[in-house]
Amino acid sequence: MPPFAPSERVILLGAGATLGSIFPPGFTPECRPPLNADFFTQLQRITSKHQKLIRQVMSDVVGLFGSNFSLTLEEYFTQLEFLAEAVELTPAKGGAFSTSDLRTKRERLMGALAAVLEMSTDVAVRKGGGCELHERLVGELEAKPVWNKRAIGSTSIQNCLAERRARDPERATYRGCRILLHAD
């Protein structure tokens, strides 16, 4: 891969970029980084922390949509927002939902999202050393040093540069480092 220069390219990683994570031997995160569709599955895999919050969120979802619910994170969040707005606009009070109850459910959902991210990614970085693939990607994206031809004394490097100069007279690279060539 050519050296990274922030002004020359943008790299976007999709939401599933962490699903292929490779951690050091002996470390397995409690849950995987959540995708929209498997958020509630990943939430329920957490066993070491946040148990009260997890029980509350699952109770909220089951209370609103039944025990055999099929919702994504985004669908649930959207429904909570919609219901809260609808209840607020409804002239008759005393219905099945209150605005404050729905806002509390939303806050618990945000806490649950933070818990899943903590247990799937933050703990993986702090205790597991992070993902090997992400480390390699970052290593490739880090700025490489720029070498001036005058500072290079090796004949083999100069021969390599001469070959590359034929292809691109203004710039060449050596082992991923950009080498600026200029006339003496």
Protein backbone atom coordinates (compact mmCIF):
# COMPACT_ATOMS: atom_id res chain seq x y z
CA MET A 1 0.00 0.00 0.00
CA PRO A 2 1.38 3.45 -0.83
CA PRO A 3 2.23 5.69 2.13
CA PHE A 4 -0.71 7.40 3.77
CA ALA A 5 -1.14 11.10 3.33
CA PRO A 6 -4.31 12.54 4.87
CA SER A 7 -4.85 14.94 2.00
CA GLU A 8 -4.68 12.19 -0.62
CA ARG A 9 -7.22 9.56 0.49
CA VAL A 10 -10.04 8.75 2.86
CA ILE A 11 -10.68 5.28 4.21
CA LEU A 12 -14.13 4.42 5.51
CA LEU A 13 -14.62 1.29 7.57
CA GLY A 14 -18.12 -0.11 7.64
CA ALA A 15 -20.08 -1.00 10.75
CA GLY A 16 -18.97 -4.62 10.47
CA ALA A 17 -15.25 -3.85 10.36
CA THR A 18 -14.76 -5.17 13.87
CA LEU A 19 -16.55 -8.48 13.29
CA GLY A 20 -13.38 -10.02 11.87
CA SER A 21 -11.29 -8.97 14.86
CA ILE A 22 -8.38 -11.18 15.83
CA PHE A 23 -7.34 -10.90 19.47
CA PRO A 24 -4.27 -12.30 21.17
CA PRO A 25 -4.51 -15.94 22.29
CA GLY A 26 -6.37 -16.37 25.56
CA PHE A 27 -8.55 -13.28 25.22
CA THR A 28 -12.17 -13.48 24.12
CA PRO A 29 -14.49 -10.50 24.61
CA GLU A 30 -17.81 -11.22 26.32
CA CYS A 31 -19.74 -10.01 23.32
CA ARG A 32 -19.03 -8.99 19.75
CA PRO A 33 -19.21 -5.37 18.62
CA PRO A 34 -22.90 -4.86 17.88
CA LEU A 35 -24.45 -4.48 14.50
CA ASN A 36 -27.88 -2.94 14.23
CA ALA A 37 -29.55 -6.34 13.80
CA ASP A 38 -27.79 -8.22 16.63
CA PHE A 39 -27.62 -5.56 19.31
CA PHE A 40 -30.01 -7.28 21.73
CA THR A 41 -28.23 -10.61 21.28
CA GLN A 42 -24.87 -9.03 22.09
CA LEU A 43 -26.38 -7.16 25.05
CA GLN A 44 -27.62 -10.41 26.59
CA ARG A 45 -24.17 -12.02 26.28
CA ILE A 46 -22.71 -9.63 28.85
CA THR A 47 -22.45 -11.41 32.19
CA SER A 48 -19.72 -9.66 34.19
CA LYS A 49 -21.09 -6.10 34.50
CA HIS A 50 -24.18 -3.97 33.94
CA GLN A 51 -26.64 -6.73 34.89
CA LYS A 52 -29.30 -4.45 36.38
CA LEU A 53 -29.27 -2.20 33.31
CA ILE A 54 -29.42 -5.18 30.94
CA ARG A 55 -32.41 -6.67 32.80
CA GLN A 56 -34.19 -3.30 32.72
CA VAL A 57 -33.63 -2.78 28.99
CA MET A 58 -34.74 -6.31 28.12
CA SER A 59 -37.81 -5.85 30.34
CA ASP A 60 -38.56 -2.54 28.56
CA VAL A 61 -38.37 -4.17 25.12
CA VAL A 62 -40.42 -7.21 26.11
CA GLY A 63 -42.98 -4.97 27.83
CA LEU A 64 -43.48 -2.92 24.67
CA PHE A 65 -43.10 -5.57 21.95
CA GLY A 66 -43.58 -8.98 23.60
CA SER A 67 -41.17 -11.78 24.43
CA ASN A 68 -40.75 -12.91 20.83
CA PHE A 69 -39.77 -9.45 19.57
CA SER A 70 -37.80 -8.97 16.38
CA LEU A 71 -36.34 -5.47 16.52
CA THR A 72 -33.09 -3.84 15.56
CA LEU A 73 -31.44 -1.22 17.73
CA GLU A 74 -32.48 1.51 15.30
CA GLU A 75 -36.09 0.32 15.14
CA TYR A 76 -36.40 0.25 18.92
CA PHE A 77 -34.80 3.67 19.31
CA THR A 78 -37.09 5.11 16.61
CA GLN A 79 -40.18 3.60 18.26
CA LEU A 80 -39.23 5.05 21.65
CA GLU A 81 -38.73 8.49 20.11
CA PHE A 82 -41.99 8.29 18.16
CA LEU A 83 -44.01 7.06 21.14
CA ALA A 84 -42.59 9.78 23.40
CA GLU A 85 -43.51 12.49 20.87
CA ALA A 86 -46.96 10.98 20.28
CA VAL A 87 -47.72 10.77 24.01
CA GLU A 88 -46.58 14.35 24.49
CA LEU A 89 -48.92 15.56 21.73
CA THR A 90 -51.90 13.52 22.90
CA PRO A 91 -54.42 15.70 24.74
CA ALA A 92 -55.76 12.90 26.96
CA LYS A 93 -53.42 11.98 29.79
CA GLY A 94 -53.39 8.75 31.78
CA GLY A 95 -52.73 6.41 28.85
CA ALA A 96 -50.56 3.32 28.88
CA PHE A 97 -47.38 5.37 28.42
CA SER A 98 -45.98 8.50 29.96
CA THR A 99 -43.42 10.72 28.28
CA SER A 100 -41.08 10.43 31.25
CA ASP A 101 -41.33 6.63 31.25
CA LEU A 102 -40.48 6.49 27.55
CA ARG A 103 -37.58 8.93 28.00
CA THR A 104 -36.30 6.73 30.85
CA LYS A 105 -36.44 3.69 28.55
CA ARG A 106 -34.47 5.68 25.96
CA GLU A 107 -31.82 6.63 28.54
CA ARG A 108 -31.51 2.99 29.59
CA LEU A 109 -31.12 1.99 25.93
CA MET A 110 -28.29 4.51 25.53
CA GLY A 111 -26.66 3.08 28.65
CA ALA A 112 -27.02 -0.42 27.24
CA LEU A 113 -25.40 0.67 23.98
CA ALA A 114 -22.48 2.10 25.97
CA ALA A 115 -22.24 -1.19 27.92
CA VAL A 116 -22.08 -3.29 24.75
CA LEU A 117 -19.43 -1.01 23.24
CA GLU A 118 -17.44 -1.12 26.48
CA MET A 119 -17.54 -4.90 26.79
CA SER A 120 -16.90 -5.60 23.10
CA THR A 121 -14.32 -3.01 22.11
CA ASP A 122 -13.00 -0.98 25.05
CA VAL A 123 -12.21 -4.03 27.17
CA ALA A 124 -10.71 -5.72 24.09
CA VAL A 125 -8.28 -2.84 23.67
CA ARG A 126 -7.44 -2.32 27.36
CA LYS A 127 -7.22 -5.96 28.48
CA GLY A 128 -6.74 -7.87 25.26
CA GLY A 129 -4.24 -5.61 23.55
CA GLY A 130 -6.58 -4.81 20.67
CA CYS A 131 -7.16 -6.45 17.33
CA GLU A 132 -4.12 -7.53 15.33
CA LEU A 133 -5.78 -6.59 12.03
CA HIS A 134 -6.66 -3.10 13.20
CA GLU A 135 -3.11 -2.62 14.46
CA ARG A 136 -1.73 -3.56 11.05
CA LEU A 137 -4.19 -1.26 9.30
CA VAL A 138 -3.23 1.67 11.53
CA GLY A 139 0.43 0.87 10.95
CA GLU A 140 -0.10 1.13 7.22
CA LEU A 141 -1.99 4.39 7.58
CA GLU A 142 0.51 6.15 9.83
CA ALA A 143 2.57 8.81 8.14
CA LYS A 144 5.83 7.47 6.78
CA PRO A 145 9.07 9.45 6.92
CA VAL A 146 10.13 11.39 3.87
CA TRP A 147 13.72 10.73 2.77
CA ASN A 148 15.88 13.06 0.80
CA LYS A 149 18.00 11.34 -1.87
CA ARG A 150 21.14 13.13 -0.64
CA ALA A 151 20.82 11.40 2.75
CA ILE A 152 20.82 7.93 1.21
CA GLY A 153 24.26 6.43 0.79
CA SER A 154 23.41 2.89 -0.29
CA THR A 155 24.11 2.10 -3.94
CA SER A 156 21.31 -0.50 -4.06
CA ILE A 157 18.79 2.07 -2.85
CA GLN A 158 20.07 4.56 -5.41
CA ASN A 159 19.73 1.94 -8.15
CA CYS A 160 16.21 1.20 -7.00
CA LEU A 161 15.42 4.91 -7.04
CA ALA A 162 16.86 5.30 -10.53
CA GLU A 163 14.52 2.54 -11.70
CA ARG A 164 11.54 4.19 -10.04
CA ARG A 165 12.57 7.61 -11.30
CA ALA A 166 12.12 6.32 -14.84
CA ARG A 167 8.46 5.65 -14.02
CA ASP A 168 7.83 8.81 -11.98
CA PRO A 169 10.55 11.42 -12.34
CA GLU A 170 9.34 13.59 -9.45
CA ARG A 171 8.68 11.03 -6.73
CA ALA A 172 9.61 7.52 -5.77
CA THR A 173 9.11 5.33 -2.72
CA TYR A 174 11.31 2.92 -0.85
CA ARG A 175 9.86 0.41 1.62
CA GLY A 176 6.67 2.41 1.94
CA CYS A 177 8.48 5.72 2.52
CA ARG A 178 8.08 8.56 0.10
CA ILE A 179 11.39 9.70 -1.28
CA LEU A 180 11.55 13.13 -2.81
CA LEU A 181 13.90 13.43 -5.72
CA HIS A 182 15.21 16.72 -6.91
CA ALA A 183 17.99 17.90 -9.15
CA ASP A 184 21.32 18.57 -7.44
